[in-house]
């Protein structure tokens, strides 16, 4: 159970970081589509 929680936490961290990078990338391309469902 503890291992699963740790994995889940890492996964959430990765998703948030990925989301931030996607937003930054989208911002640079000026493609700021809201309601994309990614974040």
N, C-alpha and C. Protein backbone atom coordinates (compact mmCIF):
# COMPACT_ATOMS: atom_id res chain seq x y z
N UNK A 1 0.83 -1.20 0.00
CA UNK A 1 0.00 0.00 0.00
C UNK A 1 0.87 1.26 0.00
N UNK A 2 1.93 1.23 0.79
CA UNK A 2 2.83 2.40 0.88
C UNK A 2 3.54 2.63 -0.46
N UNK A 3 3.92 1.53 -1.09
CA UNK A 3 4.62 1.64 -2.38
C UNK A 3 3.69 2.25 -3.41
N UNK A 4 2.44 1.80 -3.39
CA UNK A 4 1.45 2.31 -4.34
C UNK A 4 1.24 3.80 -4.14
N UNK A 5 1.17 4.23 -2.89
CA UNK A 5 0.99 5.65 -2.59
C UNK A 5 2.17 6.47 -3.08
N UNK A 6 3.36 5.94 -2.88
CA UNK A 6 4.57 6.64 -3.31
C UNK A 6 4.59 6.77 -4.83
N UNK A 7 4.21 5.69 -5.51
CA UNK A 7 4.16 5.71 -6.97
C UNK A 7 3.13 6.72 -7.45
N UNK A 8 1.98 6.73 -6.80
CA UNK A 8 0.92 7.65 -7.17
C UNK A 8 1.37 9.09 -6.99
N UNK A 9 2.07 9.36 -5.90
CA UNK A 9 2.56 10.71 -5.62
C UNK A 9 3.54 11.15 -6.70
N UNK A 10 4.44 10.24 -7.07
CA UNK A 10 5.43 10.53 -8.11
C UNK A 10 4.73 10.80 -9.43
N UNK A 11 3.70 10.02 -9.71
CA UNK A 11 2.95 10.16 -10.95
C UNK A 11 2.26 11.52 -11.00
N UNK A 12 1.71 11.95 -9.87
CA UNK A 12 1.04 13.26 -9.79
C UNK A 12 2.06 14.37 -10.02
N UNK A 13 3.22 14.24 -9.40
CA UNK A 13 4.28 15.24 -9.57
C UNK A 13 4.69 15.33 -11.04
N UNK A 14 4.85 14.18 -11.67
CA UNK A 14 5.25 14.13 -13.07
C UNK A 14 4.19 14.79 -13.95
N UNK A 15 2.93 14.48 -13.67
CA UNK A 15 1.83 15.04 -14.44
C UNK A 15 1.80 16.55 -14.32
N UNK A 16 1.99 17.05 -13.10
CA UNK A 16 1.96 18.49 -12.88
C UNK A 16 3.12 19.18 -13.60
N UNK A 17 4.28 18.56 -13.57
CA UNK A 17 5.45 19.14 -14.23
C UNK A 17 5.23 19.13 -15.74
N UNK A 18 4.70 18.02 -16.24
CA UNK A 18 4.42 17.88 -17.66
C UNK A 18 3.40 18.92 -18.10
N UNK A 19 2.41 19.12 -17.26
CA UNK A 19 1.36 20.10 -17.54
C UNK A 19 1.95 21.50 -17.62
N UNK A 20 2.84 21.81 -16.72
CA UNK A 20 3.48 23.13 -16.70
C UNK A 20 4.28 23.34 -17.99
N UNK A 21 5.03 22.31 -18.38
CA UNK A 21 5.82 22.39 -19.60
C UNK A 21 4.93 22.56 -20.82
N UNK A 22 3.81 21.86 -20.84
CA UNK A 22 2.88 21.97 -21.96
C UNK A 22 2.32 23.38 -22.04
N UNK A 23 1.97 23.94 -20.90
CA UNK A 23 1.43 25.30 -20.86
C UNK A 23 2.46 26.30 -21.35
N UNK A 24 3.69 26.13 -20.91
CA UNK A 24 4.78 27.01 -21.30
C UNK A 24 4.99 26.93 -22.82
N UNK A 25 5.00 25.71 -23.31
CA UNK A 25 5.18 25.47 -24.74
C UNK A 25 4.03 26.10 -25.52
N UNK A 26 2.82 25.90 -25.05
CA UNK A 26 1.64 26.46 -25.71
C UNK A 26 1.70 27.98 -25.68
N UNK A 27 2.18 28.52 -24.56
CA UNK A 27 2.30 29.96 -24.43
C UNK A 27 3.29 30.53 -25.42
N UNK A 28 4.38 29.80 -25.63
CA UNK A 28 5.40 30.25 -26.57
C UNK A 28 4.86 30.23 -27.99
N UNK A 29 4.00 29.26 -28.26
CA UNK A 29 3.42 29.15 -29.60
C UNK A 29 2.17 30.02 -29.75
N UNK A 30 1.80 30.66 -28.64
CA UNK A 30 0.59 31.46 -28.58
C UNK A 30 -0.65 30.63 -28.91
N UNK A 31 -0.59 29.38 -28.51
CA UNK A 31 -1.73 28.49 -28.70
C UNK A 31 -2.29 28.18 -27.32
N UNK A 32 -2.91 29.17 -26.74
CA UNK A 32 -3.44 29.01 -25.39
C UNK A 32 -4.91 28.63 -25.47
N UNK A 33 -5.17 27.40 -25.84
CA UNK A 33 -6.54 26.90 -25.90
C UNK A 33 -6.96 26.48 -24.52
N UNK A 34 -8.05 27.08 -24.04
CA UNK A 34 -8.53 26.72 -22.71
C UNK A 34 -9.51 25.56 -22.82
N UNK A 35 -9.65 24.82 -21.72
CA UNK A 35 -10.57 23.69 -21.72
C UNK A 35 -10.06 22.54 -22.57
N UNK A 36 -8.76 22.37 -22.54
CA UNK A 36 -8.16 21.30 -23.32
C UNK A 36 -8.33 19.95 -22.63
N UNK A 37 -8.51 19.99 -21.30
CA UNK A 37 -8.70 18.76 -20.56
C UNK A 37 -7.38 18.12 -20.14
N UNK A 38 -6.27 18.74 -20.54
CA UNK A 38 -4.96 18.18 -20.19
C UNK A 38 -4.62 18.54 -18.75
N UNK A 39 -4.88 19.79 -18.38
CA UNK A 39 -4.53 20.26 -17.05
C UNK A 39 -5.79 20.46 -16.24
